[in-house]
Amino acid sequence: MEVVLSSGHRMPLIGFGTASMPLPPDDVLTSACLGAIEAGYRQFDTAAQYGTEKLLGRSIAEAMRRGLIKSRDEIFITSKLWCTDTHSDLVVPALKNS
């Protein structure tokens, strides 16, 4: 199931969240994300504040290497601008960091 956004992009309605406190070891998070892709998840929620963006990217690259997905275009990633970065001079640097 998915929804069509006003941009025309399609977003799966069910996503896999990557926020965790405390943050699990890298291999555990990578394994969880790969398992989610194997299970059919195609939407992932992350944020720079979670500290999971880089590992999610590595998991997606590994999923492509393994043939679980053909390209990054098969994955919809939701990230967010953290509330402490909403001042006008902080937005662009925060988004570039994400």
PDB file of N, CA and C in Angstrom:
ATOM      1  N   MET A   1       0.839  -1.172   0.000  1.00  0.00           N
ATOM      2  CA  MET A   1       0.000   0.000   0.000  1.00  0.00           C
ATOM      3  C   MET A   1       0.883   1.232   0.000  1.00  0.00           C
ATOM      4  N   GLU A   2       0.454   2.224  -0.755  1.00  0.00           N
ATOM      5  CA  GLU A   2       1.224   3.455  -0.823  1.00  0.00           C
ATOM      6  C   GLU A   2       0.288   4.627  -1.068  1.00  0.00           C
ATOM      7  N   VAL A   3       0.826   5.805  -0.891  1.00  0.00           N
ATOM      8  CA  VAL A   3       0.094   7.039  -1.140  1.00  0.00           C
ATOM      9  C   VAL A   3       0.887   7.836  -2.171  1.00  0.00           C
ATOM     10  N   VAL A   4       0.174   8.559  -3.032  1.00  0.00           N
ATOM     11  CA  VAL A   4       0.833   9.417  -4.005  1.00  0.00           C
ATOM     12  C   VAL A   4       0.888  10.822  -3.406  1.00  0.00           C
ATOM     13  N   LEU A   5       2.100  11.339  -3.276  1.00  0.00           N
ATOM     14  CA  LEU A   5       2.301  12.675  -2.708  1.00  0.00           C
ATOM     15  C   LEU A   5       2.014  13.746  -3.761  1.00  0.00           C
ATOM     16  N   SER A   6       1.866  14.984  -3.333  1.00  0.00           N
ATOM     17  CA  SER A   6       1.583  16.070  -4.273  1.00  0.00           C
ATOM     18  C   SER A   6       2.716  16.254  -5.287  1.00  0.00           C
ATOM     19  N   SER A   7       3.907  15.770  -4.954  1.00  0.00           N
ATOM     20  CA  SER A   7       5.047  15.838  -5.867  1.00  0.00           C
ATOM     21  C   SER A   7       4.955  14.778  -6.963  1.00  0.00           C
ATOM     22  N   GLY A   8       4.028  13.820  -6.783  1.00  0.00           N
ATOM     23  CA  GLY A   8       3.909  12.711  -7.714  1.00  0.00           C
ATOM     24  C   GLY A   8       4.665  11.477  -7.264  1.00  0.00           C
ATOM     25  N   HIS A   9       5.541  11.626  -6.276  1.00  0.00           N
ATOM     26  CA  HIS A   9       6.275  10.475  -5.748  1.00  0.00           C
ATOM     27  C   HIS A   9       5.322   9.577  -4.970  1.00  0.00           C
ATOM     28  N   ARG A  10       5.630   8.290  -4.986  1.00  0.00           N
ATOM     29  CA  ARG A  10       4.840   7.318  -4.241  1.00  0.00           C
ATOM     30  C   ARG A  10       5.577   6.959  -2.951  1.00  0.00           C
ATOM     31  N   MET A  11       4.839   6.988  -1.832  1.00  0.00           N
ATOM     32  CA  MET A  11       5.430   6.671  -0.535  1.00  0.00           C
ATOM     33  C   MET A  11       4.686   5.492   0.076  1.00  0.00           C
ATOM     34  N   PRO A  12       5.427   4.434   0.426  1.00  0.00           N
ATOM     35  CA  PRO A  12       4.786   3.314   1.123  1.00  0.00           C
ATOM     36  C   PRO A  12       4.143   3.793   2.428  1.00  0.00           C
ATOM     37  N   LEU A  13       2.985   3.230   2.755  1.00  0.00           N
ATOM     38  CA  LEU A  13       2.278   3.635   3.974  1.00  0.00           C
ATOM     39  C   LEU A  13       2.893   3.046   5.235  1.00  0.00           C
ATOM     40  N   ILE A  14       3.598   1.941   5.106  1.00  0.00           N
ATOM     41  CA  ILE A  14       4.206   1.308   6.275  1.00  0.00           C
ATOM     42  C   ILE A  14       5.710   1.450   6.166  1.00  0.00           C
ATOM     43  N   GLY A  15       6.312   2.028   7.204  1.00  0.00           N
ATOM     44  CA  GLY A  15       7.747   2.259   7.192  1.00  0.00           C
ATOM     45  C   GLY A  15       8.440   1.617   8.375  1.00  0.00           C
ATOM     46  N   PHE A  16       9.752   1.588   8.279  1.00  0.00           N
ATOM     47  CA  PHE A  16      10.606   1.015   9.314  1.00  0.00           C
ATOM     48  C   PHE A  16      11.349   2.155   9.995  1.00  0.00           C
ATOM     49  N   GLY A  17      11.134   2.339  11.286  1.00  0.00           N
ATOM     50  CA  GLY A  17      11.793   3.404  12.029  1.00  0.00           C
ATOM     51  C   GLY A  17      13.187   3.000  12.472  1.00  0.00           C
ATOM     52  N   THR A  18      14.096   3.967  12.494  1.00  0.00           N
ATOM     53  CA  THR A  18      15.476   3.671  12.880  1.00  0.00           C
ATOM     54  C   THR A  18      15.897   4.357  14.180  1.00  0.00           C
ATOM     55  N   ALA A  19      14.970   5.025  14.857  1.00  0.00           N
ATOM     56  CA  ALA A  19      15.303   5.671  16.126  1.00  0.00           C
ATOM     57  C   ALA A  19      15.405   4.616  17.221  1.00  0.00           C
ATOM     58  N   SER A  20      16.412   4.739  18.069  1.00  0.00           N
ATOM     59  CA  SER A  20      16.586   3.802  19.165  1.00  0.00           C
ATOM     60  C   SER A  20      17.437   4.443  20.249  1.00  0.00           C
ATOM     61  N   MET A  21      17.026   4.243  21.480  1.00  0.00           N
ATOM     62  CA  MET A  21      17.818   4.710  22.618  1.00  0.00           C
ATOM     63  C   MET A  21      18.017   3.551  23.561  1.00  0.00           C
ATOM     64  N   PRO A  22      19.215   3.135  23.843  1.00  0.00           N
ATOM     65  CA  PRO A  22      20.450   3.645  23.244  1.00  0.00           C
ATOM     66  C   PRO A  22      20.612   3.111  21.823  1.00  0.00           C
ATOM     67  N   LEU A  23      21.455   3.774  21.061  1.00  0.00           N
ATOM     68  CA  LEU A  23      21.737   3.354  19.697  1.00  0.00           C
ATOM     69  C   LEU A  23      22.413   1.990  19.729  1.00  0.00           C
ATOM     70  N   PRO A  24      21.891   1.021  18.968  1.00  0.00           N
ATOM     71  CA  PRO A  24      22.502  -0.314  18.976  1.00  0.00           C
ATOM     72  C   PRO A  24      23.847  -0.303  18.258  1.00  0.00           C
ATOM     73  N   PRO A  25      24.650  -1.342  18.443  1.00  0.00           N
ATOM     74  CA  PRO A  25      25.912  -1.431  17.706  1.00  0.00           C
ATOM     75  C   PRO A  25      25.647  -1.406  16.192  1.00  0.00           C
ATOM     76  N   ASP A  26      26.630  -0.929  15.433  1.00  0.00           N
ATOM     77  CA  ASP A  26      26.482  -0.784  13.982  1.00  0.00           C
ATOM     78  C   ASP A  26      25.989  -2.061  13.311  1.00  0.00           C
ATOM     79  N   ASP A  27      26.574  -3.198  13.672  1.00  0.00           N
ATOM     80  CA  ASP A  27      26.205  -4.449  13.007  1.00  0.00           C
ATOM     81  C   ASP A  27      24.755  -4.840  13.305  1.00  0.00           C
ATOM     82  N   VAL A  28      24.261  -4.507  14.479  1.00  0.00           N
ATOM     83  CA  VAL A  28      22.877  -4.824  14.849  1.00  0.00           C
ATOM     84  C   VAL A  28      21.904  -3.967  14.030  1.00  0.00           C
ATOM     85  N   LEU A  29      22.199  -2.664  13.929  1.00  0.00           N
ATOM     86  CA  LEU A  29      21.330  -1.776  13.163  1.00  0.00           C
ATOM     87  C   LEU A  29      21.361  -2.134  11.679  1.00  0.00           C
ATOM     88  N   THR A  30      22.538  -2.420  11.155  1.00  0.00           N
ATOM     89  CA  THR A  30      22.657  -2.804   9.748  1.00  0.00           C
ATOM     90  C   THR A  30      21.874  -4.076   9.479  1.00  0.00           C
ATOM     91  N   SER A  31      22.002  -5.046  10.351  1.00  0.00           N
ATOM     92  CA  SER A  31      21.272  -6.306  10.211  1.00  0.00           C
ATOM     93  C   SER A  31      19.764  -6.075  10.268  1.00  0.00           C
ATOM     94  N   ALA A  32      19.323  -5.200  11.156  1.00  0.00           N
ATOM     95  CA  ALA A  32      17.889  -4.906  11.279  1.00  0.00           C
ATOM     96  C   ALA A  32      17.358  -4.248  10.007  1.00  0.00           C
ATOM     97  N   CYS A  33      18.113  -3.311   9.457  1.00  0.00           N
ATOM     98  CA  CYS A  33      17.682  -2.640   8.229  1.00  0.00           C
ATOM     99  C   CYS A  33      17.674  -3.601   7.047  1.00  0.00           C
ATOM    100  N   LEU A  34      18.686  -4.445   6.948  1.00  0.00           N
ATOM    101  CA  LEU A  34      18.713  -5.458   5.886  1.00  0.00           C
ATOM    102  C   LEU A  34      17.550  -6.438   6.039  1.00  0.00           C
ATOM    103  N   GLY A  35      17.274  -6.834   7.263  1.00  0.00           N
ATOM    104  CA  GLY A  35      16.141  -7.718   7.518  1.00  0.00           C
ATOM    105  C   GLY A  35      14.824  -7.076   7.119  1.00  0.00           C
ATOM    106  N   ALA A  36      14.707  -5.776   7.369  1.00  0.00           N
ATOM    107  CA  ALA A  36      13.491  -5.055   6.986  1.00  0.00           C
ATOM    108  C   ALA A  36      13.336  -5.030   5.463  1.00  0.00           C
ATOM    109  N   ILE A  37      14.435  -4.808   4.758  1.00  0.00           N
ATOM    110  CA  ILE A  37      14.372  -4.819   3.291  1.00  0.00           C
ATOM    111  C   ILE A  37      13.989  -6.209   2.795  1.00  0.00           C
ATOM    112  N   GLU A  38      14.592  -7.230   3.392  1.00  0.00           N
ATOM    113  CA  GLU A  38      14.248  -8.613   3.021  1.00  0.00           C
ATOM    114  C   GLU A  38      12.769  -8.902   3.278  1.00  0.00           C
ATOM    115  N   ALA A  39      12.216  -8.321   4.332  1.00  0.00           N
ATOM    116  CA  ALA A  39      10.814  -8.536   4.691  1.00  0.00           C
ATOM    117  C   ALA A  39       9.852  -7.716   3.827  1.00  0.00           C
ATOM    118  N   GLY A  40      10.399  -6.803   3.017  1.00  0.00           N
ATOM    119  CA  GLY A  40       9.560  -6.034   2.111  1.00  0.00           C
ATOM    120  C   GLY A  40       9.409  -4.565   2.429  1.00  0.00           C
ATOM    121  N   TYR A  41      10.005  -4.091   3.504  1.00  0.00           N
ATOM    122  CA  TYR A  41       9.928  -2.662   3.809  1.00  0.00           C
ATOM    123  C   TYR A  41      10.640  -1.874   2.718  1.00  0.00           C
ATOM    124  N   ARG A  42       9.994  -0.768   2.292  1.00  0.00           N
ATOM    125  CA  ARG A  42      10.604   0.098   1.291  1.00  0.00           C
ATOM    126  C   ARG A  42      10.569   1.563   1.729  1.00  0.00           C
ATOM    127  N   GLN A  43      10.112   1.820   2.937  1.00  0.00           N
ATOM    128  CA  GLN A  43      10.103   3.170   3.498  1.00  0.00           C
ATOM    129  C   GLN A  43      10.812   3.120   4.830  1.00  0.00           C
ATOM    130  N   PHE A  44      11.803   4.011   5.011  1.00  0.00           N
ATOM    131  CA  PHE A  44      12.582   4.079   6.241  1.00  0.00           C
ATOM    132  C   PHE A  44      12.531   5.490   6.796  1.00  0.00           C
ATOM    133  N   ASP A  45      12.349   5.573   8.103  1.00  0.00           N
ATOM    134  CA  ASP A  45      12.325   6.858   8.802  1.00  0.00           C
ATOM    135  C   ASP A  45      13.626   7.014   9.571  1.00  0.00           C
ATOM    136  N   THR A  46      14.285   8.141   9.358  1.00  0.00           N
ATOM    137  CA  THR A  46      15.557   8.400  10.019  1.00  0.00           C
ATOM    138  C   THR A  46      15.694   9.899  10.273  1.00  0.00           C
ATOM    139  N   ALA A  47      16.769  10.301  10.896  1.00  0.00           N
ATOM    140  CA  ALA A  47      17.086  11.712  11.116  1.00  0.00           C
ATOM    141  C   ALA A  47      18.549  11.810  11.515  1.00  0.00           C
ATOM    142  N   ALA A  48      19.162  12.924  11.199  1.00  0.00           N
ATOM    143  CA  ALA A  48      20.551  13.131  11.610  1.00  0.00           C
ATOM    144  C   ALA A  48      20.665  12.997  13.130  1.00  0.00           C
ATOM    145  N   GLN A  49      19.657  13.478  13.838  1.00  0.00           N
ATOM    146  CA  GLN A  49      19.656  13.421  15.303  1.00  0.00           C
ATOM    147  C   GLN A  49      19.680  11.985  15.829  1.00  0.00           C
ATOM    148  N   TYR A  50      19.126  11.038  15.063  1.00  0.00           N
ATOM    149  CA  TYR A  50      19.109   9.640  15.496  1.00  0.00           C
ATOM    150  C   TYR A  50      20.487   8.991  15.386  1.00  0.00           C
ATOM    151  N   GLY A  51      21.328   9.517  14.491  1.00  0.00           N
ATOM    152  CA  GLY A  51      22.640   8.912  14.274  1.00  0.00           C
ATOM    153  C   GLY A  51      22.584   7.629  13.456  1.00  0.00           C
ATOM    154  N   THR A  52      21.519   7.475  12.664  1.00  0.00           N
ATOM    155  CA  THR A  52      21.327   6.230  11.908  1.00  0.00           C
ATOM    156  C   THR A  52      21.396   6.409  10.398  1.00  0.00           C
ATOM    157  N   GLU A  53      21.522   7.617   9.916  1.00  0.00           N
ATOM    158  CA  GLU A  53      21.472   7.852   8.472  1.00  0.00           C
ATOM    159  C   GLU A  53      22.602   7.141   7.720  1.00  0.00           C
ATOM    160  N   LYS A  54      23.800   7.246   8.210  1.00  0.00           N
ATOM    161  CA  LYS A  54      24.940   6.635   7.525  1.00  0.00           C
ATOM    162  C   LYS A  54      24.803   5.110   7.467  1.00  0.00           C
ATOM    163  N   LEU A  55      24.392   4.514   8.578  1.00  0.00           N
ATOM    164  CA  LEU A  55      24.232   3.053   8.608  1.00  0.00           C
ATOM    165  C   LEU A  55      23.062   2.596   7.734  1.00  0.00           C
ATOM    166  N   LEU A  56      22.021   3.384   7.660  1.00  0.00           N
ATOM    167  CA  LEU A  56      20.917   3.056   6.758  1.00  0.00           C
ATOM    168  C   LEU A  56      21.420   3.073   5.321  1.00  0.00           C
ATOM    169  N   GLY A  57      22.226   4.073   4.983  1.00  0.00           N
ATOM    170  CA  GLY A  57      22.805   4.134   3.641  1.00  0.00           C
ATOM    171  C   GLY A  57      23.664   2.924   3.333  1.00  0.00           C
ATOM    172  N   ARG A  58      24.463   2.511   4.294  1.00  0.00           N
ATOM    173  CA  ARG A  58      25.292   1.307   4.110  1.00  0.00           C
ATOM    174  C   ARG A  58      24.419   0.062   3.934  1.00  0.00           C
ATOM    175  N   SER A  59      23.340  -0.003   4.678  1.00  0.00           N
ATOM    176  CA  SER A  59      22.427  -1.146   4.570  1.00  0.00           C
ATOM    177  C   SER A  59      21.784  -1.195   3.189  1.00  0.00           C
ATOM    178  N   ILE A  60      21.400  -0.050   2.670  1.00  0.00           N
ATOM    179  CA  ILE A  60      20.796   0.000   1.338  1.00  0.00           C
ATOM    180  C   ILE A  60      21.814  -0.415   0.283  1.00  0.00           C
ATOM    181  N   ALA A  61      23.055   0.062   0.426  1.00  0.00           N
ATOM    182  CA  ALA A  61      24.116  -0.340  -0.515  1.00  0.00           C
ATOM    183  C   ALA A  61      24.343  -1.844  -0.461  1.00  0.00           C
ATOM    184  N   GLU A  62      24.326  -2.414   0.726  1.00  0.00           N
ATOM    185  CA  GLU A  62      24.508  -3.859   0.880  1.00  0.00           C
ATOM    186  C   GLU A  62      23.319  -4.618   0.284  1.00  0.00           C
ATOM    187  N   ALA A  63      22.118  -4.091   0.454  1.00  0.00           N
ATOM    188  CA  ALA A  63      20.932  -4.724  -0.122  1.00  0.00           C
ATOM    189  C   ALA A  63      21.023  -4.738  -1.647  1.00  0.00           C
ATOM    190  N   MET A  64      21.550  -3.680  -2.232  1.00  0.00           N
ATOM    191  CA  MET A  64      21.735  -3.655  -3.681  1.00  0.00           C
ATOM    192  C   MET A  64      22.808  -4.662  -4.081  1.00  0.00           C
ATOM    193  N   ARG A  65      23.892  -4.726  -3.322  1.00  0.00           N
ATOM    194  CA  ARG A  65      24.963  -5.681  -3.622  1.00  0.00           C
ATOM    195  C   ARG A  65      24.445  -7.115  -3.592  1.00  0.00           C
ATOM    196  N   ARG A  66      23.560  -7.400  -2.635  1.00  0.00           N
ATOM    197  CA  ARG A  66      23.000  -8.748  -2.489  1.00  0.00           C
ATOM    198  C   ARG A  66      21.866  -9.041  -3.471  1.00  0.00           C
ATOM    199  N   GLY A  67      21.428  -8.017  -4.188  1.00  0.00           N
ATOM    200  CA  GLY A  67      20.333  -8.205  -5.137  1.00  0.00           C
ATOM    201  C   GLY A  67      18.949  -8.150  -4.512  1.00  0.00           C
ATOM    202  N   LEU A  68      18.856  -7.662  -3.273  1.00  0.00           N
ATOM    203  CA  LEU A  68      17.547  -7.540  -2.621  1.00  0.00           C
ATOM    204  C   LEU A  68      16.710  -6.432  -3.250  1.00  0.00           C
ATOM    205  N   ILE A  69      17.391  -5.393  -3.711  1.00  0.00           N
ATOM    206  CA  ILE A  69      16.772  -4.306  -4.467  1.00  0.00           C
ATOM    207  C   ILE A  69      17.702  -3.997  -5.633  1.00  0.00           C
ATOM    208  N   LYS A  70      17.137  -3.406  -6.681  1.00  0.00           N
ATOM    209  CA  LYS A  70      17.949  -3.102  -7.862  1.00  0.00           C
ATOM    210  C   LYS A  70      18.593  -1.727  -7.787  1.00  0.00           C
ATOM    211  N   SER A  71      17.906  -0.778  -7.163  1.00  0.00           N
ATOM    212  CA  SER A  71      18.457   0.580  -7.080  1.00  0.00           C
ATOM    213  C   SER A  71      17.929   1.309  -5.859  1.00  0.00           C
ATOM    214  N   ARG A  72      18.570   2.387  -5.517  1.00  0.00           N
ATOM    215  CA  ARG A  72      18.167   3.235  -4.393  1.00  0.00           C
ATOM    216  C   ARG A  72      16.760   3.790  -4.620  1.00  0.00           C
ATOM    217  N   ASP A  73      16.356   3.914  -5.888  1.00  0.00           N
ATOM    218  CA  ASP A  73      15.042   4.454  -6.211  1.00  0.00           C
ATOM    219  C   ASP A  73      13.892   3.606  -5.658  1.00  0.00           C
ATOM    220  N   GLU A  74      14.172   2.377  -5.275  1.00  0.00           N
ATOM    221  CA  GLU A  74      13.135   1.502  -4.722  1.00  0.00           C
ATOM    222  C   GLU A  74      12.852   1.807  -3.248  1.00  0.00           C
ATOM    223  N   ILE A  75      13.691   2.637  -2.637  1.00  0.00           N
ATOM    224  CA  ILE A  75      13.576   2.938  -1.206  1.00  0.00           C
ATOM    225  C   ILE A  75      13.147   4.389  -1.014  1.00  0.00           C
ATOM    226  N   PHE A  76      12.162   4.605  -0.155  1.00  0.00           N
ATOM    227  CA  PHE A  76      11.704   5.949   0.208  1.00  0.00           C
ATOM    228  C   PHE A  76      12.236   6.235   1.603  1.00  0.00           C
ATOM    229  N   ILE A  77      13.023   7.298   1.741  1.00  0.00           N
ATOM    230  CA  ILE A  77      13.606   7.651   3.042  1.00  0.00           C
ATOM    231  C   ILE A  77      13.000   8.954   3.533  1.00  0.00           C
ATOM    232  N   THR A  78      12.493   8.910   4.744  1.00  0.00           N
ATOM    233  CA  THR A  78      11.974  10.096   5.404  1.00  0.00           C
ATOM    234  C   THR A  78      12.998  10.533   6.433  1.00  0.00           C
ATOM    235  N   SER A  79      13.449  11.770   6.328  1.00  0.00           N
ATOM    236  CA  SER A  79      14.326  12.341   7.350  1.00  0.00           C
ATOM    237  C   SER A  79      13.648  13.609   7.835  1.00  0.00           C
ATOM    238  N   LYS A  80      14.254  14.276   8.754  1.00  0.00           N
ATOM    239  CA  LYS A  80      13.594  15.474   9.256  1.00  0.00           C
ATOM    240  C   LYS A  80      14.585  16.525   9.744  1.00  0.00           C
ATOM    241  N   LEU A  81      14.133  17.751   9.691  1.00  0.00           N
ATOM    242  CA  LEU A  81      14.890  18.876  10.218  1.00  0.00           C
ATOM    243  C   LEU A  81      14.587  18.960  11.710  1.00  0.00           C
ATOM    244  N   TRP A  82      15.617  18.857  12.535  1.00  0.00           N
ATOM    245  CA  TRP A  82      15.410  18.860  13.976  1.00  0.00           C
ATOM    246  C   TRP A  82      14.995  20.248  14.448  1.00  0.00           C
ATOM    247  N   CYS A  83      14.178  20.313  15.482  1.00  0.00           N
ATOM    248  CA  CYS A  83      13.612  21.584  15.951  1.00  0.00           C
ATOM    249  C   CYS A  83      14.673  22.606  16.344  1.00  0.00           C
ATOM    250  N   THR A  84      15.828  22.158  16.783  1.00  0.00           N
ATOM    251  CA  THR A  84      16.886  23.100  17.164  1.00  0.00           C
ATOM    252  C   THR A  84      17.600  23.690  15.947  1.00  0.00           C
ATOM    253  N   ASP A  85      17.283  23.196  14.753  1.00  0.00           N
ATOM    254  CA  ASP A  85      17.918  23.680  13.528  1.00  0.00           C
ATOM    255  C   ASP A  85      16.980  24.504  12.656  1.00  0.00           C
ATOM    256  N   THR A  86      15.892  25.017  13.210  1.00  0.00           N
ATOM    257  CA  THR A  86      14.910  25.728  12.395  1.00  0.00           C
ATOM    258  C   THR A  86      15.190  27.215  12.226  1.00  0.00           C
ATOM    259  N   HIS A  87      16.198  27.740  12.901  1.00  0.00           N
ATOM    260  CA  HIS A  87      16.556  29.144  12.679  1.00  0.00           C
ATOM    261  C   HIS A  87      17.048  29.290  11.242  1.00  0.00           C
ATOM    262  N   SER A  88      16.717  30.393  10.604  1.00  0.00           N
ATOM    263  CA  SER A  88      16.980  30.553   9.170  1.00  0.00           C
ATOM    264  C   SER A  88      18.439  30.308   8.766  1.00  0.00           C
ATOM    265  N   ASP A  89      19.397  30.635   9.608  1.00  0.00           N
ATOM    266  CA  ASP A  89      20.797  30.414   9.223  1.00  0.00           C
ATOM    267  C   ASP A  89      21.293  29.001   9.555  1.00  0.00           C
ATOM    268  N   LEU A  90      20.456  28.180  10.162  1.00  0.00           N
ATOM    269  CA  LEU A  90      20.832  26.805  10.491  1.00  0.00           C
ATOM    270  C   LEU A  90      20.210  25.759   9.575  1.00  0.00           C
ATOM    271  N   VAL A  91      19.146  26.123   8.865  1.00  0.00           N
ATOM    272  CA  VAL A  91      18.396  25.153   8.071  1.00  0.00           C
ATOM    273  C   VAL A  91      19.243  24.505   6.992  1.00  0.00           C
ATOM    274  N   VAL A  92      19.853  25.304   6.130  1.00  0.00           N
ATOM    275  CA  VAL A  92      20.617  24.747   5.005  1.00  0.00           C
ATOM    276  C   VAL A  92      21.783  23.884   5.485  1.00  0.00           C
ATOM    277  N   PRO A  93      22.602  24.334   6.447  1.00  0.00           N
ATOM    278  CA  PRO A  93      23.671  23.450   6.919  1.00  0.00           C
ATOM    279  C   PRO A  93      23.139  22.150   7.526  1.00  0.00           C
ATOM    280  N   ALA A  94      22.024  22.204   8.239  1.00  0.00           N
ATOM    281  CA  ALA A  94      21.458  20.999   8.843  1.00  0.00           C
ATOM    282  C   ALA A  94      20.968  20.039   7.765  1.00  0.00           C
ATOM    283  N   LEU A  95      20.342  20.561   6.726  1.00  0.00           N
ATOM    284  CA  LEU A  95      19.868  19.697   5.647  1.00  0.00           C
ATOM    285  C   LEU A  95      21.013  19.087   4.862  1.00  0.00           C
ATOM    286  N   LYS A  96      22.087  19.846   4.698  1.00  0.00           N
ATOM    287  CA  LYS A  96      23.271  19.300   4.006  1.00  0.00           C
ATOM    288  C   LYS A  96      23.925  18.204   4.838  1.00  0.00           C
ATOM    289  N   ASN A  97      23.817  18.309   6.149  1.00  0.00           N
ATOM    290  CA  ASN A  97      24.379  17.308   7.049  1.00  0.00           C
ATOM    291  C   ASN A  97      23.545  16.029   7.072  1.00  0.00           C
ATOM    292  N   SER A  98      22.278  16.148   6.708  1.00  0.00           N
ATOM    293  CA  SER A  98      21.342  15.030   6.786  1.00  0.00           C
ATOM    294  C   SER A  98      21.484  14.097   5.597  1.00  0.00           C
TER     295      SER A  98
END
